[in-house]
C-alpha atoms as a PDB file:
ATOM      1  CA  MET A   1     101.205  88.504  77.229  1.00  0.00           C
ATOM      2  CA  PRO A   2     102.189  85.455  79.340  1.00  0.00           C
ATOM      3  CA  TYR A   3     105.655  85.296  80.834  1.00  0.00           C
ATOM      4  CA  GLU A   4     108.002  82.714  79.340  1.00  0.00           C
ATOM      5  CA  PRO A   5     110.864  81.726  81.622  1.00  0.00           C
ATOM      6  CA  PRO A   6     114.332  81.976  80.104  1.00  0.00           C
ATOM      7  CA  PRO A   7     116.304  78.857  79.152  1.00  0.00           C
ATOM      8  CA  GLU A   8     118.450  77.073  81.709  1.00  0.00           C
ATOM      9  CA  LEU A   9     121.512  79.080  82.626  1.00  0.00           C
ATOM     10  CA  ALA A  10     123.852  76.142  81.933  1.00  0.00           C
ATOM     11  CA  SER A  11     122.792  76.107  78.277  1.00  0.00           C
ATOM     12  CA  LEU A  12     123.730  79.770  77.663  1.00  0.00           C
ATOM     13  CA  SER A  13     127.075  81.204  76.612  1.00  0.00           C
ATOM     14  CA  LEU A  14     128.246  84.373  78.329  1.00  0.00           C
ATOM     15  CA  ALA A  15     127.411  86.333  75.167  1.00  0.00           C
ATOM     16  CA  GLU A  16     123.853  84.957  75.238  1.00  0.00           C
ATOM     17  CA  VAL A  17     123.512  85.904  78.910  1.00  0.00           C
ATOM     18  CA  ALA A  18     124.817  89.405  78.152  1.00  0.00           C
ATOM     19  CA  ARG A  19     122.314  89.726  75.297  1.00  0.00           C
ATOM     20  CA  GLN A  20     119.439  88.718  77.604  1.00  0.00           C
ATOM     21  CA  VAL A  21     120.610  91.222  80.226  1.00  0.00           C
ATOM     22  CA  ALA A  22     120.735  93.984  77.585  1.00  0.00           C
ATOM     23  CA  ASP A  23     117.331  93.007  76.180  1.00  0.00           C
ATOM     24  CA  ARG A  24     115.582  93.310  79.558  1.00  0.00           C
ATOM     25  CA  LYS A  25     113.726  96.588  79.396  1.00  0.00           C
ATOM     26  CA  LEU A  26     113.571  98.141  82.843  1.00  0.00           C
ATOM     27  CA  PRO A  27     111.596 101.254  83.713  1.00  0.00           C
ATOM     28  CA  PRO A  28     113.800 104.389  83.653  1.00  0.00           C
ATOM     29  CA  VAL A  29     113.451 105.061  87.386  1.00  0.00           C
ATOM     30  CA  GLU A  30     116.768 106.959  87.449  1.00  0.00           C
ATOM     31  CA  GLY A  31     115.128 109.718  85.402  1.00  0.00           C
ATOM     32  CA  TRP A  32     112.010 110.008  87.538  1.00  0.00           C
ATOM     33  CA  ALA A  33     111.686 112.625  90.280  1.00  0.00           C
ATOM     34  CA  PRO A  34     108.450 111.848  92.114  1.00  0.00           C
ATOM     35  CA  GLN A  35     107.248 114.547  94.491  1.00  0.00           C
ATOM     36  CA  ARG A  36     105.352 112.256  96.843  1.00  0.00           C
ATOM     37  CA  THR A  37     106.994 109.772  99.234  1.00  0.00           C
ATOM     38  CA  GLY A  38     105.381 107.217 101.476  1.00  0.00           C
ATOM     39  CA  GLU A  39     105.286 103.648 102.739  1.00  0.00           C
ATOM     40  CA  SER A  40     104.580 100.742 100.381  1.00  0.00           C
ATOM     41  CA  HIS A  41     103.549  98.332 103.173  1.00  0.00           C
ATOM     42  CA  MET A  42     105.715  95.794 101.376  1.00  0.00           C
ATOM     43  CA  ARG A  43     108.543  93.599 102.608  1.00  0.00           C
ATOM     44  CA  ILE A  44     111.067  91.301 100.977  1.00  0.00           C
ATOM     45  CA  ALA A  45     111.887  88.462 103.378  1.00  0.00           C
ATOM     46  CA  ALA A  46     115.388  87.005 103.691  1.00  0.00           C
ATOM     47  CA  ASP A  47     114.274  84.013 101.586  1.00  0.00           C
ATOM     48  CA  GLY A  48     113.264  86.342  98.720  1.00  0.00           C
ATOM     49  CA  THR A  49     109.495  86.162  99.286  1.00  0.00           C
ATOM     50  CA  TRP A  50     107.688  89.440  98.653  1.00  0.00           C
ATOM     51  CA  TYR A  51     104.858  90.468 100.991  1.00  0.00           C
ATOM     52  CA  HIS A  52     102.230  93.192 100.860  1.00  0.00           C
ATOM     53  CA  GLU A  53     100.457  94.022 104.129  1.00  0.00           C
ATOM     54  CA  GLY A  54     101.597  90.649 105.521  1.00  0.00           C
ATOM     55  CA  SER A  55     100.357  88.498 102.630  1.00  0.00           C
ATOM     56  CA  ALA A  56     102.778  86.827 100.234  1.00  0.00           C
ATOM     57  CA  ILE A  57     102.682  88.057  96.652  1.00  0.00           C
ATOM     58  CA  LYS A  58     102.223  84.795  94.781  1.00  0.00           C
ATOM     59  CA  ARG A  59     102.262  85.994  91.167  1.00  0.00           C
ATOM     60  CA  PRO A  60     105.848  85.872  89.800  1.00  0.00           C
ATOM     61  CA  ALA A  61     104.968  88.445  87.126  1.00  0.00           C
ATOM     62  CA  MET A  62     103.893  90.900  89.828  1.00  0.00           C
ATOM     63  CA  VAL A  63     107.145  90.359  91.756  1.00  0.00           C
ATOM     64  CA  ARG A  64     109.136  90.894  88.533  1.00  0.00           C
ATOM     65  CA  ALA A  65     107.221  94.119  87.846  1.00  0.00           C
ATOM     66  CA  PHE A  66     107.885  95.480  91.344  1.00  0.00           C
ATOM     67  CA  ALA A  67     111.537  94.342  91.183  1.00  0.00           C
ATOM     68  CA  GLY A  68     111.993  96.505  88.073  1.00  0.00           C
ATOM     69  CA  LEU A  69     111.030  99.576  90.142  1.00  0.00           C
ATOM     70  CA  LEU A  70     113.359  98.829  93.038  1.00  0.00           C
ATOM     71  CA  THR A  71     116.302 101.015  94.058  1.00  0.00           C
ATOM     72  CA  ARG A  72     118.547 101.299  97.120  1.00  0.00           C
ATOM     73  CA  ASP A  73     119.968 104.641  98.187  1.00  0.00           C
ATOM     74  CA  GLU A  74     123.253 105.580  99.832  1.00  0.00           C
ATOM     75  CA  ASN A  75     121.653 105.053 103.275  1.00  0.00           C
ATOM     76  CA  ALA A  76     120.851 101.421 102.328  1.00  0.00           C
ATOM     77  CA  GLU A  77     117.109 102.171 102.216  1.00  0.00           C
ATOM     78  CA  HIS A  78     115.113 100.394  99.516  1.00  0.00           C
ATOM     79  CA  TRP A  79     112.494 102.217  97.488  1.00  0.00           C
ATOM     80  CA  LEU A  80     109.844 101.433  94.887  1.00  0.00           C
ATOM     81  CA  VAL A  81     109.920 104.331  92.442  1.00  0.00           C
ATOM     82  CA  THR A  82     107.230 105.358  89.967  1.00  0.00           C
ATOM     83  CA  PRO A  83     106.882 108.651  88.083  1.00  0.00           C
ATOM     84  CA  PHE A  84     104.426 109.806  90.758  1.00  0.00           C
ATOM     85  CA  GLU A  85     105.680 108.442  94.071  1.00  0.00           C
ATOM     86  CA  LYS A  86     108.644 106.948  95.884  1.00  0.00           C
ATOM     87  CA  LEU A  87     107.665 104.354  98.478  1.00  0.00           C
ATOM     88  CA  THR A  88     109.845 102.685 101.104  1.00  0.00           C
ATOM     89  CA  ILE A  89     110.032  98.912 101.097  1.00  0.00           C
ATOM     90  CA  THR A  90     111.425  96.820 103.946  1.00  0.00           C
ATOM     91  CA  VAL A  91     114.144  94.393 102.885  1.00  0.00           C
ATOM     92  CA  ASP A  92     115.222  91.858 105.517  1.00  0.00           C
ATOM     93  CA  ASP A  93     118.580  91.042 103.888  1.00  0.00           C
ATOM     94  CA  ALA A  94     118.949  91.489 100.120  1.00  0.00           C
ATOM     95  CA  ALA A  95     116.389  92.464  97.516  1.00  0.00           C
ATOM     96  CA  PHE A  96     117.130  89.392  95.386  1.00  0.00           C
ATOM     97  CA  ILE A  97     118.313  85.816  95.801  1.00  0.00           C
ATOM     98  CA  ALA A  98     120.887  84.316  93.408  1.00  0.00           C
ATOM     99  CA  VAL A  99     119.523  80.817  92.720  1.00  0.00           C
ATOM    100  CA  ASP A 100     121.977  79.524  90.099  1.00  0.00           C
ATOM    101  CA  CYS A 101     125.362  80.359  88.615  1.00  0.00           C
ATOM    102  CA  GLN A 102     127.371  79.276  85.613  1.00  0.00           C
ATOM    103  CA  GLU A 103     130.952  79.938  84.595  1.00  0.00           C
ATOM    104  CA  ALA A 104     131.450  80.399  80.862  1.00  0.00           C
ATOM    105  CA  ASP A 105     133.719  82.332  78.534  1.00  0.00           C
ATOM    106  CA  GLY A 106     135.651  84.121  81.288  1.00  0.00           C
ATOM    107  CA  GLY A 107     132.608  85.216  83.258  1.00  0.00           C
ATOM    108  CA  ILE A 108     130.275  84.006  85.976  1.00  0.00           C
ATOM    109  CA  ALA A 109     126.576  84.541  85.354  1.00  0.00           C
ATOM    110  CA  PHE A 110     123.902  84.383  88.043  1.00  0.00           C
ATOM    111  CA  ARG A 111     120.166  83.751  87.720  1.00  0.00           C
ATOM    112  CA  LEU A 112     118.088  85.536  90.341  1.00  0.00           C
ATOM    113  CA  ASN A 113     114.822  84.484  91.934  1.00  0.00           C
ATOM    114  CA  THR A 114     113.119  86.971  89.580  1.00  0.00           C
ATOM    115  CA  ASP A 115     114.698  85.236  86.531  1.00  0.00           C
ATOM    116  CA  ASP A 116     116.931  88.273  85.997  1.00  0.00           C
ATOM    117  CA  LEU A 117     120.468  87.473  84.872  1.00  0.00           C
ATOM    118  CA  VAL A 118     123.587  89.192  86.211  1.00  0.00           C
ATOM    119  CA  ILE A 119     127.195  88.754  85.120  1.00  0.00           C
ATOM    120  CA  ALA A 120     129.731  89.362  87.896  1.00  0.00           C
ATOM    121  CA  GLY A 121     132.303  92.016  87.013  1.00  0.00           C
ATOM    122  CA  ALA A 122     133.227  95.633  87.627  1.00  0.00           C
ATOM    123  CA  ASP A 123     129.593  96.815  87.536  1.00  0.00           C
ATOM    124  CA  ASN A 124     128.284  93.772  89.408  1.00  0.00           C
ATOM    125  CA  PRO A 125     130.947  92.779  91.955  1.00  0.00           C
ATOM    126  CA  LEU A 126     130.790  89.731  94.176  1.00  0.00           C
ATOM    127  CA  ILE A 127     130.854  90.673  97.856  1.00  0.00           C
ATOM    128  CA  ALA A 128     131.872  88.408 100.760  1.00  0.00           C
ATOM    129  CA  ARG A 129     130.477  89.476 104.150  1.00  0.00           C
ATOM    130  CA  GLY A 130     130.185  87.946 107.582  1.00  0.00           C
ATOM    131  CA  ASP A 131     133.043  85.908 108.979  1.00  0.00           C
ATOM    132  CA  PRO A 132     134.626  82.544 108.118  1.00  0.00           C
ATOM    133  CA  ASP A 133     132.189  80.731 110.422  1.00  0.00           C
ATOM    134  CA  GLN A 134     129.088  82.411 108.993  1.00  0.00           C
ATOM    135  CA  PRO A 135     129.892  83.865 105.582  1.00  0.00           C
ATOM    136  CA  ALA A 136     127.316  85.574 103.399  1.00  0.00           C
ATOM    137  CA  PHE A 137     127.889  86.165  99.694  1.00  0.00           C
ATOM    138  CA  TYR A 138     126.229  88.744  97.492  1.00  0.00           C
ATOM    139  CA  VAL A 139     126.381  89.985  93.928  1.00  0.00           C
ATOM    140  CA  ALA A 140     125.523  93.600  93.078  1.00  0.00           C
ATOM    141  CA  VAL A 141     122.512  93.682  90.759  1.00  0.00           C
ATOM    142  CA  ARG A 142     121.448  97.215  89.794  1.00  0.00           C
ATOM    143  CA  ARG A 143     120.553 100.576  91.305  1.00  0.00           C
ATOM    144  CA  GLY A 144     122.340  99.736  94.541  1.00  0.00           C
ATOM    145  CA  CYS A 145     120.419  96.491  95.076  1.00  0.00           C
ATOM    146  CA  GLU A 146     122.093  93.164  95.780  1.00  0.00           C
ATOM    147  CA  ALA A 147     121.312  89.461  95.529  1.00  0.00           C
ATOM    148  CA  ARG A 148     122.344  87.057  98.267  1.00  0.00           C
ATOM    149  CA  LEU A 149     123.638  83.738  96.997  1.00  0.00           C
ATOM    150  CA  ASN A 150     121.558  80.859  98.304  1.00  0.00           C
ATOM    151  CA  ARG A 151     123.365  77.815  99.677  1.00  0.00           C
ATOM    152  CA  SER A 152     123.373  75.795  96.441  1.00  0.00           C
ATOM    153  CA  THR A 153     124.588  78.782  94.409  1.00  0.00           C
ATOM    154  CA  TYR A 154     127.385  79.394  96.887  1.00  0.00           C
ATOM    155  CA  GLU A 155     128.334  75.726  96.546  1.00  0.00           C
ATOM    156  CA  GLN A 156     128.468  76.133  92.760  1.00  0.00           C
ATOM    157  CA  LEU A 157     130.680  79.204  93.208  1.00  0.00           C
ATOM    158  CA  ALA A 158     132.913  77.341  95.674  1.00  0.00           C
ATOM    159  CA  GLN A 159     133.396  74.565  93.094  1.00  0.00           C
ATOM    160  CA  ILE A 160     134.469  77.196  90.553  1.00  0.00           C
ATOM    161  CA  ALA A 161     136.951  78.587  93.100  1.00  0.00           C
ATOM    162  CA  LEU A 162     138.346  75.128  93.942  1.00  0.00           C
ATOM    163  CA  ALA A 163     138.853  74.341  90.259  1.00  0.00           C
ATOM    164  CA  ARG A 164     140.853  77.561  89.976  1.00  0.00           C
ATOM    165  CA  GLY A 165     143.200  76.848  92.900  1.00  0.00           C
ATOM    166  CA  ASP A 166     143.322  76.934  96.662  1.00  0.00           C
ATOM    167  CA  ASP A 167     143.074  80.695  97.303  1.00  0.00           C
ATOM    168  CA  TRP A 168     139.256  80.754  97.480  1.00  0.00           C
ATOM    169  CA  SER A 169     138.810  83.294  94.731  1.00  0.00           C
ATOM    170  CA  VAL A 170     136.992  83.425  91.412  1.00  0.00           C
ATOM    171  CA  ALA A 171     137.402  85.596  88.334  1.00  0.00           C
ATOM    172  CA  SER A 172     134.732  87.099  86.101  1.00  0.00           C
ATOM    173  CA  GLN A 173     135.120  89.573  83.269  1.00  0.00           C
ATOM    174  CA  GLY A 174     138.734  90.286  84.219  1.00  0.00           C
ATOM    175  CA  MET A 175     137.994  90.934  87.899  1.00  0.00           C
ATOM    176  CA  ASP A 176     139.146  88.750  90.804  1.00  0.00           C
ATOM    177  CA  PHE A 177     136.807  88.221  93.770  1.00  0.00           C
ATOM    178  CA  SER A 178     137.754  86.660  97.097  1.00  0.00           C
ATOM    179  CA  LEU A 179     135.293  84.259  98.698  1.00  0.00           C
ATOM    180  CA  ILE A 180     136.808  84.920 102.111  1.00  0.00           C
ATOM    181  CA  PRO A 181     134.907  87.503 104.166  1.00  0.00           C
ATOM    182  CA  ALA A 182     137.051  90.479 105.147  1.00  0.00           C
END
């Protein structure tokens, strides 16, 4: 079955985004306990490009499939998990890139480079890292993984913050998030 990209984020209400998030069927990796561990020979570059043995993975459907198997443990190591094996994967910065955002209905939704949708809130907090001269902004995605906001998405988020006031913060699903790195 061919992959059909979702509609533009700007055309969706927060309820529609939430419905799409709920409808995404991800493999139940949390319930798997593979006995074999190893190396995947895969890497996710800082720009979000996936590589296997040095060659870029060019099929978006393949990247989406692998992304559904991705977890990050308490030691910040990333893993691809199947029922049979758990393989390390090198991640240069974040596993995903947030490529668009939209404020609607009291929430801020993000589209990722894998076309996944995430709504910032208690389960998916926004995180400001770095320092004021070189900030880096992330949104928690799932299973410990994060998405780094690309420059244009950060600019969209900054516009939302400026419209709210001059304290460089945004709100989503009842949570306040500072855009100033701690």
